[in-house]
Amino acid sequence: MNTTKIICTLIYVAFIAVTLVMVGDVAQYIDMPAIIVVVALGVLFAMAEKGEDGIVQKFGNGAVRAGWLGSIIGIIAIFGGEGFAEGDMSKIGMALAVCSLTVFYGYFLKFGAMILD
């Protein structure tokens, strides 16, 4: 890993952070359970995956897959909860966040891994 890749990754993270600040409250983009799911499954995937790709690339691939898995969990939580049957958005808001944010985190980490690899 060279200095140029690290600098480009830091610029990428800063660009995304500035974008999130400009479009709304940054706190709405932070969900610790979703982050933990994506990072933990990404690490497990990177450790278990065989192949020619580097560990960073494997982590990025695992993060995307974990993001989609988290999205499916969120969809199930939306349709399986009582908030959907009642039409109460306040009850399904967290499930919607998990559904969306896990995919966001997965691709955020994947793009960062692509820059670093």
PDB file of N, CA and C in Angstrom:
ATOM      1  N   MET A   1       0.855  -1.167   0.000  1.00  0.00           N
ATOM      2  CA  MET A   1       0.000   0.000   0.000  1.00  0.00           C
ATOM      3  C   MET A   1       0.904   1.234   0.000  1.00  0.00           C
ATOM      4  N   ASN A   2       0.680   2.104  -0.973  1.00  0.00           N
ATOM      5  CA  ASN A   2       1.546   3.270  -1.035  1.00  0.00           C
ATOM      6  C   ASN A   2       0.832   4.529  -0.547  1.00  0.00           C
ATOM      7  N   THR A   3       1.588   5.592  -0.436  1.00  0.00           N
ATOM      8  CA  THR A   3       1.076   6.844   0.117  1.00  0.00           C
ATOM      9  C   THR A   3      -0.046   7.423  -0.728  1.00  0.00           C
ATOM     10  N   THR A   4       0.064   7.309  -2.051  1.00  0.00           N
ATOM     11  CA  THR A   4      -0.965   7.848  -2.941  1.00  0.00           C
ATOM     12  C   THR A   4      -2.320   7.187  -2.682  1.00  0.00           C
ATOM     13  N   LYS A   5      -2.326   5.879  -2.507  1.00  0.00           N
ATOM     14  CA  LYS A   5      -3.574   5.170  -2.250  1.00  0.00           C
ATOM     15  C   LYS A   5      -4.182   5.585  -0.912  1.00  0.00           C
ATOM     16  N   ILE A   6      -3.354   5.769   0.085  1.00  0.00           N
ATOM     17  CA  ILE A   6      -3.846   6.191   1.404  1.00  0.00           C
ATOM     18  C   ILE A   6      -4.434   7.598   1.319  1.00  0.00           C
ATOM     19  N   ILE A   7      -3.761   8.501   0.628  1.00  0.00           N
ATOM     20  CA  ILE A   7      -4.257   9.871   0.469  1.00  0.00           C
ATOM     21  C   ILE A   7      -5.578   9.872  -0.301  1.00  0.00           C
ATOM     22  N   CYS A   8      -5.643   9.099  -1.380  1.00  0.00           N
ATOM     23  CA  CYS A   8      -6.883   9.011  -2.160  1.00  0.00           C
ATOM     24  C   CYS A   8      -8.027   8.453  -1.319  1.00  0.00           C
ATOM     25  N   THR A   9      -7.743   7.481  -0.477  1.00  0.00           N
ATOM     26  CA  THR A   9      -8.768   6.915   0.397  1.00  0.00           C
ATOM     27  C   THR A   9      -9.247   7.953   1.412  1.00  0.00           C
ATOM     28  N   LEU A  10      -8.336   8.713   1.975  1.00  0.00           N
ATOM     29  CA  LEU A  10      -8.717   9.769   2.925  1.00  0.00           C
ATOM     30  C   LEU A  10      -9.557  10.846   2.240  1.00  0.00           C
ATOM     31  N   ILE A  11      -9.211  11.199   1.011  1.00  0.00           N
ATOM     32  CA  ILE A  11     -10.004  12.179   0.256  1.00  0.00           C
ATOM     33  C   ILE A  11     -11.397  11.623  -0.013  1.00  0.00           C
ATOM     34  N   TYR A  12     -11.459  10.338  -0.367  1.00  0.00           N
ATOM     35  CA  TYR A  12     -12.749   9.677  -0.604  1.00  0.00           C
ATOM     36  C   TYR A  12     -13.627   9.730   0.648  1.00  0.00           C
ATOM     37  N   VAL A  13     -13.072   9.382   1.798  1.00  0.00           N
ATOM     38  CA  VAL A  13     -13.825   9.405   3.054  1.00  0.00           C
ATOM     39  C   VAL A  13     -14.266  10.832   3.374  1.00  0.00           C
ATOM     40  N   ALA A  14     -13.382  11.803   3.186  1.00  0.00           N
ATOM     41  CA  ALA A  14     -13.730  13.203   3.446  1.00  0.00           C
ATOM     42  C   ALA A  14     -14.837  13.678   2.508  1.00  0.00           C
ATOM     43  N   PHE A  15     -14.757  13.291   1.245  1.00  0.00           N
ATOM     44  CA  PHE A  15     -15.777  13.672   0.272  1.00  0.00           C
ATOM     45  C   PHE A  15     -17.149  13.128   0.669  1.00  0.00           C
ATOM     46  N   ILE A  16     -17.194  11.861   1.066  1.00  0.00           N
ATOM     47  CA  ILE A  16     -18.460  11.269   1.496  1.00  0.00           C
ATOM     48  C   ILE A  16     -18.961  11.956   2.771  1.00  0.00           C
ATOM     49  N   ALA A  17     -18.066  12.234   3.720  1.00  0.00           N
ATOM     50  CA  ALA A  17     -18.466  12.900   4.965  1.00  0.00           C
ATOM     51  C   ALA A  17     -19.047  14.283   4.685  1.00  0.00           C
ATOM     52  N   VAL A  18     -18.411  15.046   3.810  1.00  0.00           N
ATOM     53  CA  VAL A  18     -18.924  16.377   3.461  1.00  0.00           C
ATOM     54  C   VAL A  18     -20.278  16.257   2.778  1.00  0.00           C
ATOM     55  N   THR A  19     -20.426  15.268   1.910  1.00  0.00           N
ATOM     56  CA  THR A  19     -21.709  15.052   1.239  1.00  0.00           C
ATOM     57  C   THR A  19     -22.810  14.762   2.247  1.00  0.00           C
ATOM     58  N   LEU A  20     -22.527  13.906   3.224  1.00  0.00           N
ATOM     59  CA  LEU A  20     -23.527  13.574   4.243  1.00  0.00           C
ATOM     60  C   LEU A  20     -23.896  14.783   5.080  1.00  0.00           C
ATOM     61  N   VAL A  21     -22.932  15.630   5.382  1.00  0.00           N
ATOM     62  CA  VAL A  21     -23.207  16.848   6.148  1.00  0.00           C
ATOM     63  C   VAL A  21     -24.085  17.801   5.334  1.00  0.00           C
ATOM     64  N   MET A  22     -23.828  17.879   4.038  1.00  0.00           N
ATOM     65  CA  MET A  22     -24.577  18.811   3.190  1.00  0.00           C
ATOM     66  C   MET A  22     -26.025  18.373   2.960  1.00  0.00           C
ATOM     67  N   VAL A  23     -26.286  17.068   2.945  1.00  0.00           N
ATOM     68  CA  VAL A  23     -27.642  16.603   2.632  1.00  0.00           C
ATOM     69  C   VAL A  23     -28.530  16.440   3.859  1.00  0.00           C
ATOM     70  N   GLY A  24     -27.978  16.547   5.029  1.00  0.00           N
ATOM     71  CA  GLY A  24     -28.834  16.429   6.208  1.00  0.00           C
ATOM     72  C   GLY A  24     -28.052  16.137   7.460  1.00  0.00           C
ATOM     73  N   ASP A  25     -28.767  15.728   8.449  1.00  0.00           N
ATOM     74  CA  ASP A  25     -28.194  15.406   9.747  1.00  0.00           C
ATOM     75  C   ASP A  25     -27.327  14.154   9.631  1.00  0.00           C
ATOM     76  N   VAL A  26     -26.063  14.258   9.983  1.00  0.00           N
ATOM     77  CA  VAL A  26     -25.132  13.133   9.867  1.00  0.00           C
ATOM     78  C   VAL A  26     -25.559  11.970  10.756  1.00  0.00           C
ATOM     79  N   ALA A  27     -26.202  12.257  11.862  1.00  0.00           N
ATOM     80  CA  ALA A  27     -26.612  11.197  12.792  1.00  0.00           C
ATOM     81  C   ALA A  27     -27.566  10.199  12.150  1.00  0.00           C
ATOM     82  N   GLN A  28     -28.312  10.623  11.146  1.00  0.00           N
ATOM     83  CA  GLN A  28     -29.243   9.705  10.498  1.00  0.00           C
ATOM     84  C   GLN A  28     -28.531   8.652   9.664  1.00  0.00           C
ATOM     85  N   TYR A  29     -27.265   8.854   9.390  1.00  0.00           N
ATOM     86  CA  TYR A  29     -26.484   7.894   8.610  1.00  0.00           C
ATOM     87  C   TYR A  29     -25.674   6.948   9.485  1.00  0.00           C
ATOM     88  N   ILE A  30     -25.831   7.045  10.794  1.00  0.00           N
ATOM     89  CA  ILE A  30     -25.048   6.217  11.701  1.00  0.00           C
ATOM     90  C   ILE A  30     -25.975   5.242  12.428  1.00  0.00           C
ATOM     91  N   ASP A  31     -25.729   3.973  12.230  1.00  0.00           N
ATOM     92  CA  ASP A  31     -26.481   2.915  12.899  1.00  0.00           C
ATOM     93  C   ASP A  31     -25.467   1.838  13.290  1.00  0.00           C
ATOM     94  N   MET A  32     -25.109   1.812  14.554  1.00  0.00           N
ATOM     95  CA  MET A  32     -24.040   0.917  15.009  1.00  0.00           C
ATOM     96  C   MET A  32     -24.321  -0.561  14.749  1.00  0.00           C
ATOM     97  N   PRO A  33     -25.523  -1.071  14.989  1.00  0.00           N
ATOM     98  CA  PRO A  33     -25.749  -2.488  14.678  1.00  0.00           C
ATOM     99  C   PRO A  33     -25.503  -2.804  13.197  1.00  0.00           C
ATOM    100  N   ALA A  34     -25.911  -1.903  12.313  1.00  0.00           N
ATOM    101  CA  ALA A  34     -25.698  -2.122  10.885  1.00  0.00           C
ATOM    102  C   ALA A  34     -24.211  -2.082  10.544  1.00  0.00           C
ATOM    103  N   ILE A  35     -23.484  -1.146  11.141  1.00  0.00           N
ATOM    104  CA  ILE A  35     -22.033  -1.059  10.903  1.00  0.00           C
ATOM    105  C   ILE A  35     -21.352  -2.331  11.388  1.00  0.00           C
ATOM    106  N   ILE A  36     -21.726  -2.785  12.567  1.00  0.00           N
ATOM    107  CA  ILE A  36     -21.099  -3.986  13.133  1.00  0.00           C
ATOM    108  C   ILE A  36     -21.365  -5.200  12.246  1.00  0.00           C
ATOM    109  N   VAL A  37     -22.591  -5.348  11.769  1.00  0.00           N
ATOM    110  CA  VAL A  37     -22.923  -6.484  10.902  1.00  0.00           C
ATOM    111  C   VAL A  37     -22.071  -6.460   9.637  1.00  0.00           C
ATOM    112  N   VAL A  38     -21.993  -5.313   8.979  1.00  0.00           N
ATOM    113  CA  VAL A  38     -21.258  -5.224   7.716  1.00  0.00           C
ATOM    114  C   VAL A  38     -19.761  -5.444   7.933  1.00  0.00           C
ATOM    115  N   VAL A  39     -19.197  -4.799   8.937  1.00  0.00           N
ATOM    116  CA  VAL A  39     -17.751  -4.935   9.179  1.00  0.00           C
ATOM    117  C   VAL A  39     -17.401  -6.352   9.636  1.00  0.00           C
ATOM    118  N   ALA A  40     -18.165  -6.883  10.573  1.00  0.00           N
ATOM    119  CA  ALA A  40     -17.861  -8.228  11.088  1.00  0.00           C
ATOM    120  C   ALA A  40     -17.977  -9.281   9.996  1.00  0.00           C
ATOM    121  N   LEU A  41     -19.053  -9.231   9.210  1.00  0.00           N
ATOM    122  CA  LEU A  41     -19.200 -10.222   8.139  1.00  0.00           C
ATOM    123  C   LEU A  41     -18.174  -9.996   7.029  1.00  0.00           C
ATOM    124  N   GLY A  42     -17.798  -8.748   6.786  1.00  0.00           N
ATOM    125  CA  GLY A  42     -16.751  -8.463   5.811  1.00  0.00           C
ATOM    126  C   GLY A  42     -15.409  -9.044   6.231  1.00  0.00           C
ATOM    127  N   VAL A  43     -15.088  -8.908   7.507  1.00  0.00           N
ATOM    128  CA  VAL A  43     -13.838  -9.480   8.030  1.00  0.00           C
ATOM    129  C   VAL A  43     -13.866 -11.005   7.958  1.00  0.00           C
ATOM    130  N   LEU A  44     -14.987 -11.599   8.369  1.00  0.00           N
ATOM    131  CA  LEU A  44     -15.102 -13.062   8.300  1.00  0.00           C
ATOM    132  C   LEU A  44     -14.978 -13.562   6.864  1.00  0.00           C
ATOM    133  N   PHE A  45     -15.595 -12.860   5.930  1.00  0.00           N
ATOM    134  CA  PHE A  45     -15.503 -13.234   4.526  1.00  0.00           C
ATOM    135  C   PHE A  45     -14.060 -13.137   4.038  1.00  0.00           C
ATOM    136  N   ALA A  46     -13.379 -12.054   4.417  1.00  0.00           N
ATOM    137  CA  ALA A  46     -11.988 -11.864   3.991  1.00  0.00           C
ATOM    138  C   ALA A  46     -11.080 -12.960   4.544  1.00  0.00           C
ATOM    139  N   MET A  47     -11.349 -13.398   5.757  1.00  0.00           N
ATOM    140  CA  MET A  47     -10.524 -14.442   6.362  1.00  0.00           C
ATOM    141  C   MET A  47     -10.795 -15.800   5.737  1.00  0.00           C
ATOM    142  N   ALA A  48     -12.030 -16.049   5.329  1.00  0.00           N
ATOM    143  CA  ALA A  48     -12.407 -17.371   4.833  1.00  0.00           C
ATOM    144  C   ALA A  48     -12.249 -17.525   3.327  1.00  0.00           C
ATOM    145  N   GLU A  49     -12.279 -16.432   2.584  1.00  0.00           N
ATOM    146  CA  GLU A  49     -12.253 -16.481   1.121  1.00  0.00           C
ATOM    147  C   GLU A  49     -10.880 -16.919   0.609  1.00  0.00           C
ATOM    148  N   LYS A  50     -10.907 -17.859  -0.291  1.00  0.00           N
ATOM    149  CA  LYS A  50      -9.681 -18.298  -0.964  1.00  0.00           C
ATOM    150  C   LYS A  50      -9.595 -17.585  -2.311  1.00  0.00           C
ATOM    151  N   GLY A  51      -8.412 -17.445  -2.830  1.00  0.00           N
ATOM    152  CA  GLY A  51      -8.275 -16.842  -4.148  1.00  0.00           C
ATOM    153  C   GLY A  51      -7.078 -15.925  -4.229  1.00  0.00           C
ATOM    154  N   GLU A  52      -6.965 -15.316  -5.377  1.00  0.00           N
ATOM    155  CA  GLU A  52      -5.810 -14.474  -5.689  1.00  0.00           C
ATOM    156  C   GLU A  52      -5.941 -13.045  -5.175  1.00  0.00           C
ATOM    157  N   ASP A  53      -7.148 -12.598  -4.878  1.00  0.00           N
ATOM    158  CA  ASP A  53      -7.355 -11.221  -4.428  1.00  0.00           C
ATOM    159  C   ASP A  53      -6.667 -10.970  -3.096  1.00  0.00           C
ATOM    160  N   GLY A  54      -6.289  -9.705  -2.871  1.00  0.00           N
ATOM    161  CA  GLY A  54      -5.699  -9.326  -1.600  1.00  0.00           C
ATOM    162  C   GLY A  54      -6.744  -9.290  -0.500  1.00  0.00           C
ATOM    163  N   ILE A  55      -6.294  -9.218   0.720  1.00  0.00           N
ATOM    164  CA  ILE A  55      -7.186  -9.229   1.880  1.00  0.00           C
ATOM    165  C   ILE A  55      -8.113  -8.014   1.875  1.00  0.00           C
ATOM    166  N   VAL A  56      -7.619  -6.873   1.419  1.00  0.00           N
ATOM    167  CA  VAL A  56      -8.441  -5.662   1.383  1.00  0.00           C
ATOM    168  C   VAL A  56      -9.566  -5.827   0.363  1.00  0.00           C
ATOM    169  N   GLN A  57      -9.241  -6.374  -0.807  1.00  0.00           N
ATOM    170  CA  GLN A  57     -10.258  -6.614  -1.834  1.00  0.00           C
ATOM    171  C   GLN A  57     -11.288  -7.634  -1.360  1.00  0.00           C
ATOM    172  N   LYS A  58     -10.836  -8.671  -0.696  1.00  0.00           N
ATOM    173  CA  LYS A  58     -11.758  -9.681  -0.164  1.00  0.00           C
ATOM    174  C   LYS A  58     -12.687  -9.062   0.879  1.00  0.00           C
ATOM    175  N   PHE A  59     -12.139  -8.185   1.725  1.00  0.00           N
ATOM    176  CA  PHE A  59     -12.963  -7.503   2.722  1.00  0.00           C
ATOM    177  C   PHE A  59     -14.035  -6.660   2.038  1.00  0.00           C
ATOM    178  N   GLY A  60     -13.656  -5.922   1.009  1.00  0.00           N
ATOM    179  CA  GLY A  60     -14.623  -5.101   0.283  1.00  0.00           C
ATOM    180  C   GLY A  60     -15.731  -5.938  -0.326  1.00  0.00           C
ATOM    181  N   ASN A  61     -15.370  -7.059  -0.915  1.00  0.00           N
ATOM    182  CA  ASN A  61     -16.371  -7.957  -1.496  1.00  0.00           C
ATOM    183  C   ASN A  61     -17.305  -8.503  -0.417  1.00  0.00           C
ATOM    184  N   GLY A  62     -16.736  -8.872   0.718  1.00  0.00           N
ATOM    185  CA  GLY A  62     -17.549  -9.374   1.822  1.00  0.00           C
ATOM    186  C   GLY A  62     -18.459  -8.303   2.398  1.00  0.00           C
ATOM    187  N   ALA A  63     -17.976  -7.063   2.443  1.00  0.00           N
ATOM    188  CA  ALA A  63     -18.787  -5.963   2.976  1.00  0.00           C
ATOM    189  C   ALA A  63     -20.023  -5.723   2.115  1.00  0.00           C
ATOM    190  N   VAL A  64     -19.851  -5.788   0.796  1.00  0.00           N
ATOM    191  CA  VAL A  64     -21.000  -5.612  -0.100  1.00  0.00           C
ATOM    192  C   VAL A  64     -22.009  -6.727   0.113  1.00  0.00           C
ATOM    193  N   ARG A  65     -21.529  -7.948   0.188  1.00  0.00           N
ATOM    194  CA  ARG A  65     -22.437  -9.083   0.409  1.00  0.00           C
ATOM    195  C   ARG A  65     -23.136  -8.979   1.756  1.00  0.00           C
ATOM    196  N   ALA A  66     -22.392  -8.546   2.773  1.00  0.00           N
ATOM    197  CA  ALA A  66     -22.994  -8.362   4.100  1.00  0.00           C
ATOM    198  C   ALA A  66     -24.032  -7.248   4.070  1.00  0.00           C
ATOM    199  N   GLY A  67     -23.768  -6.204   3.296  1.00  0.00           N
ATOM    200  CA  GLY A  67     -24.727  -5.113   3.158  1.00  0.00           C
ATOM    201  C   GLY A  67     -26.041  -5.583   2.562  1.00  0.00           C
ATOM    202  N   TRP A  68     -25.955  -6.415   1.553  1.00  0.00           N
ATOM    203  CA  TRP A  68     -27.188  -6.941   0.948  1.00  0.00           C
ATOM    204  C   TRP A  68     -27.894  -7.910   1.884  1.00  0.00           C
ATOM    205  N   LEU A  69     -27.136  -8.685   2.631  1.00  0.00           N
ATOM    206  CA  LEU A  69     -27.748  -9.571   3.613  1.00  0.00           C
ATOM    207  C   LEU A  69     -28.475  -8.750   4.681  1.00  0.00           C
ATOM    208  N   GLY A  70     -27.850  -7.683   5.138  1.00  0.00           N
ATOM    209  CA  GLY A  70     -28.491  -6.787   6.100  1.00  0.00           C
ATOM    210  C   GLY A  70     -29.739  -6.137   5.530  1.00  0.00           C
ATOM    211  N   SER A  71     -29.716  -5.835   4.250  1.00  0.00           N
ATOM    212  CA  SER A  71     -30.888  -5.269   3.601  1.00  0.00           C
ATOM    213  C   SER A  71     -32.050  -6.258   3.594  1.00  0.00           C
ATOM    214  N   ILE A  72     -31.747  -7.516   3.329  1.00  0.00           N
ATOM    215  CA  ILE A  72     -32.793  -8.544   3.360  1.00  0.00           C
ATOM    216  C   ILE A  72     -33.359  -8.685   4.774  1.00  0.00           C
ATOM    217  N   ILE A  73     -32.483  -8.641   5.760  1.00  0.00           N
ATOM    218  CA  ILE A  73     -32.951  -8.691   7.156  1.00  0.00           C
ATOM    219  C   ILE A  73     -33.863  -7.504   7.441  1.00  0.00           C
ATOM    220  N   GLY A  74     -33.482  -6.324   6.969  1.00  0.00           N
ATOM    221  CA  GLY A  74     -34.308  -5.139   7.161  1.00  0.00           C
ATOM    222  C   GLY A  74     -35.661  -5.251   6.475  1.00  0.00           C
ATOM    223  N   ILE A  75     -35.688  -5.819   5.265  1.00  0.00           N
ATOM    224  CA  ILE A  75     -36.952  -6.003   4.552  1.00  0.00           C
ATOM    225  C   ILE A  75     -37.869  -6.949   5.323  1.00  0.00           C
ATOM    226  N   ILE A  76     -37.294  -8.016   5.836  1.00  0.00           N
ATOM    227  CA  ILE A  76     -38.088  -8.954   6.631  1.00  0.00           C
ATOM    228  C   ILE A  76     -38.626  -8.262   7.886  1.00  0.00           C
ATOM    229  N   ALA A  77     -37.785  -7.439   8.514  1.00  0.00           N
ATOM    230  CA  ALA A  77     -38.227  -6.710   9.712  1.00  0.00           C
ATOM    231  C   ALA A  77     -39.345  -5.723   9.374  1.00  0.00           C
ATOM    232  N   ILE A  78     -39.283  -5.124   8.193  1.00  0.00           N
ATOM    233  CA  ILE A  78     -40.332  -4.188   7.784  1.00  0.00           C
ATOM    234  C   ILE A  78     -41.660  -4.921   7.613  1.00  0.00           C
ATOM    235  N   PHE A  79     -41.638  -5.974   6.813  1.00  0.00           N
ATOM    236  CA  PHE A  79     -42.888  -6.672   6.502  1.00  0.00           C
ATOM    237  C   PHE A  79     -43.377  -7.566   7.642  1.00  0.00           C
ATOM    238  N   GLY A  80     -42.468  -7.997   8.496  1.00  0.00           N
ATOM    239  CA  GLY A  80     -42.858  -8.869   9.597  1.00  0.00           C
ATOM    240  C   GLY A  80     -43.311  -8.139  10.837  1.00  0.00           C
ATOM    241  N   GLY A  81     -43.014  -6.850  10.911  1.00  0.00           N
ATOM    242  CA  GLY A  81     -43.374  -6.086  12.103  1.00  0.00           C
ATOM    243  C   GLY A  81     -44.810  -5.612  12.072  1.00  0.00           C
ATOM    244  N   GLU A  82     -45.298  -5.222  13.238  1.00  0.00           N
ATOM    245  CA  GLU A  82     -46.672  -4.755  13.323  1.00  0.00           C
ATOM    246  C   GLU A  82     -46.842  -3.357  12.761  1.00  0.00           C
ATOM    247  N   GLY A  83     -45.746  -2.620  12.601  1.00  0.00           N
ATOM    248  CA  GLY A  83     -45.833  -1.276  12.032  1.00  0.00           C
ATOM    249  C   GLY A  83     -46.302  -1.287  10.597  1.00  0.00           C
ATOM    250  N   PHE A  84     -45.921  -2.292   9.831  1.00  0.00           N
ATOM    251  CA  PHE A  84     -46.339  -2.386   8.435  1.00  0.00           C
ATOM    252  C   PHE A  84     -47.839  -2.641   8.337  1.00  0.00           C
ATOM    253  N   ALA A  85     -48.340  -3.543   9.143  1.00  0.00           N
ATOM    254  CA  ALA A  85     -49.770  -3.872   9.113  1.00  0.00           C
ATOM    255  C   ALA A  85     -50.612  -2.674   9.535  1.00  0.00           C
ATOM    256  N   GLU A  86     -50.089  -1.880  10.454  1.00  0.00           N
ATOM    257  CA  GLU A  86     -50.830  -0.719  10.953  1.00  0.00           C
ATOM    258  C   GLU A  86     -50.595   0.532  10.120  1.00  0.00           C
ATOM    259  N   GLY A  87     -49.591   0.490   9.229  1.00  0.00           N
ATOM    260  CA  GLY A  87     -49.253   1.670   8.444  1.00  0.00           C
ATOM    261  C   GLY A  87     -48.576   2.750   9.259  1.00  0.00           C
ATOM    262  N   ASP A  88     -47.941   2.373  10.355  1.00  0.00           N
ATOM    263  CA  ASP A  88     -47.291   3.316  11.267  1.00  0.00           C
ATOM    264  C   ASP A  88     -45.806   3.415  10.921  1.00  0.00           C
ATOM    265  N   MET A  89     -45.430   4.493  10.251  1.00  0.00           N
ATOM    266  CA  MET A  89     -44.041   4.670   9.807  1.00  0.00           C
ATOM    267  C   MET A  89     -43.067   4.806  10.980  1.00  0.00           C
ATOM    268  N   SER A  90     -43.524   5.307  12.112  1.00  0.00           N
ATOM    269  CA  SER A  90     -42.623   5.452  13.252  1.00  0.00           C
ATOM    270  C   SER A  90     -42.148   4.089  13.758  1.00  0.00           C
ATOM    271  N   LYS A  91     -42.960   3.065  13.564  1.00  0.00           N
ATOM    272  CA  LYS A  91     -42.573   1.728  14.014  1.00  0.00           C
ATOM    273  C   LYS A  91     -41.658   1.003  13.033  1.00  0.00           C
ATOM    274  N   ILE A  92     -41.711   1.380  11.765  1.00  0.00           N
ATOM    275  CA  ILE A  92     -40.858   0.686  10.797  1.00  0.00           C
ATOM    276  C   ILE A  92     -39.646   1.519  10.370  1.00  0.00           C
ATOM    277  N   GLY A  93     -39.498   2.687  10.962  1.00  0.00           N
ATOM    278  CA  GLY A  93     -38.383   3.566  10.603  1.00  0.00           C
ATOM    279  C   GLY A  93     -37.018   2.929  10.811  1.00  0.00           C
ATOM    280  N   MET A  94     -36.826   2.259  11.943  1.00  0.00           N
ATOM    281  CA  MET A  94     -35.531   1.633  12.226  1.00  0.00           C
ATOM    282  C   MET A  94     -35.249   0.501  11.247  1.00  0.00           C
ATOM    283  N   ALA A  95     -36.278  -0.281  10.923  1.00  0.00           N
ATOM    284  CA  ALA A  95     -36.099  -1.363   9.957  1.00  0.00           C
ATOM    285  C   ALA A  95     -35.751  -0.806   8.576  1.00  0.00           C
ATOM    286  N   LEU A  96     -36.356   0.318   8.208  1.00  0.00           N
ATOM    287  CA  LEU A  96     -36.018   0.957   6.940  1.00  0.00           C
ATOM    288  C   LEU A  96     -34.569   1.447   6.936  1.00  0.00           C
ATOM    289  N   ALA A  97     -34.128   1.967   8.077  1.00  0.00           N
ATOM    290  CA  ALA A  97     -32.744   2.427   8.186  1.00  0.00           C
ATOM    291  C   ALA A  97     -31.781   1.262   8.028  1.00  0.00           C
ATOM    292  N   VAL A  98     -32.045   0.150   8.691  1.00  0.00           N
ATOM    293  CA  VAL A  98     -31.187  -1.026   8.564  1.00  0.00           C
ATOM    294  C   VAL A  98     -31.193  -1.515   7.129  1.00  0.00           C
ATOM    295  N   CYS A  99     -32.348  -1.529   6.521  1.00  0.00           N
ATOM    296  CA  CYS A  99     -32.492  -1.984   5.147  1.00  0.00           C
ATOM    297  C   CYS A  99     -31.627  -1.155   4.198  1.00  0.00           C
ATOM    298  N   SER A 100     -31.595   0.140   4.396  1.00  0.00           N
ATOM    299  CA  SER A 100     -30.854   1.028   3.504  1.00  0.00           C
ATOM    300  C   SER A 100     -29.394   1.199   3.902  1.00  0.00           C
ATOM    301  N   LEU A 101     -29.145   1.367   5.179  1.00  0.00           N
ATOM    302  CA  LEU A 101     -27.800   1.698   5.623  1.00  0.00           C
ATOM    303  C   LEU A 101     -26.803   0.554   5.450  1.00  0.00           C
ATOM    304  N   THR A 102     -27.236  -0.679   5.585  1.00  0.00           N
ATOM    305  CA  THR A 102     -26.287  -1.783   5.421  1.00  0.00           C
ATOM    306  C   THR A 102     -25.736  -1.826   4.002  1.00  0.00           C
ATOM    307  N   VAL A 103     -26.589  -1.552   3.022  1.00  0.00           N
ATOM    308  CA  VAL A 103     -26.112  -1.509   1.633  1.00  0.00           C
ATOM    309  C   VAL A 103     -25.163  -0.321   1.455  1.00  0.00           C
ATOM    310  N   PHE A 104     -25.519   0.816   2.034  1.00  0.00           N
ATOM    311  CA  PHE A 104     -24.650   1.994   1.969  1.00  0.00           C
ATOM    312  C   PHE A 104     -23.272   1.702   2.570  1.00  0.00           C
ATOM    313  N   TYR A 105     -23.259   1.100   3.760  1.00  0.00           N
ATOM    314  CA  TYR A 105     -21.984   0.785   4.403  1.00  0.00           C
ATOM    315  C   TYR A 105     -21.179  -0.214   3.577  1.00  0.00           C
ATOM    316  N   GLY A 106     -21.853  -1.211   3.032  1.00  0.00           N
ATOM    317  CA  GLY A 106     -21.161  -2.212   2.223  1.00  0.00           C
ATOM    318  C   GLY A 106     -20.468  -1.594   1.028  1.00  0.00           C
ATOM    319  N   TYR A 107     -21.175  -0.753   0.291  1.00  0.00           N
ATOM    320  CA  TYR A 107     -20.562  -0.124  -0.885  1.00  0.00           C
ATOM    321  C   TYR A 107     -19.552   0.947  -0.495  1.00  0.00           C
ATOM    322  N   PHE A 108     -19.791   1.631   0.607  1.00  0.00           N
ATOM    323  CA  PHE A 108     -18.809   2.607   1.094  1.00  0.00           C
ATOM    324  C   PHE A 108     -17.469   1.912   1.363  1.00  0.00           C
ATOM    325  N   LEU A 109     -17.524   0.778   2.045  1.00  0.00           N
ATOM    326  CA  LEU A 109     -16.301   0.031   2.342  1.00  0.00           C
ATOM    327  C   LEU A 109     -15.709  -0.606   1.084  1.00  0.00           C
ATOM    328  N   LYS A 110     -16.548  -1.050   0.166  1.00  0.00           N
ATOM    329  CA  LYS A 110     -16.063  -1.658  -1.070  1.00  0.00           C
ATOM    330  C   LYS A 110     -15.292  -0.644  -1.894  1.00  0.00           C
ATOM    331  N   PHE A 111     -15.846   0.562  -2.065  1.00  0.00           N
ATOM    332  CA  PHE A 111     -15.142   1.587  -2.836  1.00  0.00           C
ATOM    333  C   PHE A 111     -13.830   1.964  -2.169  1.00  0.00           C
ATOM    334  N   GLY A 112     -13.840   2.066  -0.841  1.00  0.00           N
ATOM    335  CA  GLY A 112     -12.592   2.329  -0.130  1.00  0.00           C
ATOM    336  C   GLY A 112     -11.575   1.220  -0.341  1.00  0.00           C
ATOM    337  N   ALA A 113     -12.049  -0.027  -0.332  1.00  0.00           N
ATOM    338  CA  ALA A 113     -11.147  -1.166  -0.567  1.00  0.00           C
ATOM    339  C   ALA A 113     -10.613  -1.146  -1.982  1.00  0.00           C
ATOM    340  N   MET A 114     -11.439  -0.738  -2.936  1.00  0.00           N
ATOM    341  CA  MET A 114     -10.981  -0.665  -4.326  1.00  0.00           C
ATOM    342  C   MET A 114      -9.878   0.363  -4.486  1.00  0.00           C
ATOM    343  N   ILE A 115      -9.998   1.478  -3.782  1.00  0.00           N
ATOM    344  CA  ILE A 115      -8.961   2.498  -3.848  1.00  0.00           C
ATOM    345  C   ILE A 115      -7.679   2.003  -3.203  1.00  0.00           C
ATOM    346  N   LEU A 116      -7.798   1.341  -2.062  1.00  0.00           N
ATOM    347  CA  LEU A 116      -6.614   0.878  -1.338  1.00  0.00           C
ATOM    348  C   LEU A 116      -5.908  -0.304  -2.023  1.00  0.00           C
ATOM    349  N   ASP A 117      -6.684  -1.147  -2.701  1.00  0.00           N
ATOM    350  CA  ASP A 117      -6.098  -2.367  -3.275  1.00  0.00           C
ATOM    351  C   ASP A 117      -5.336  -2.079  -4.549  1.00  0.00           C
TER     352      ASP A 117
END
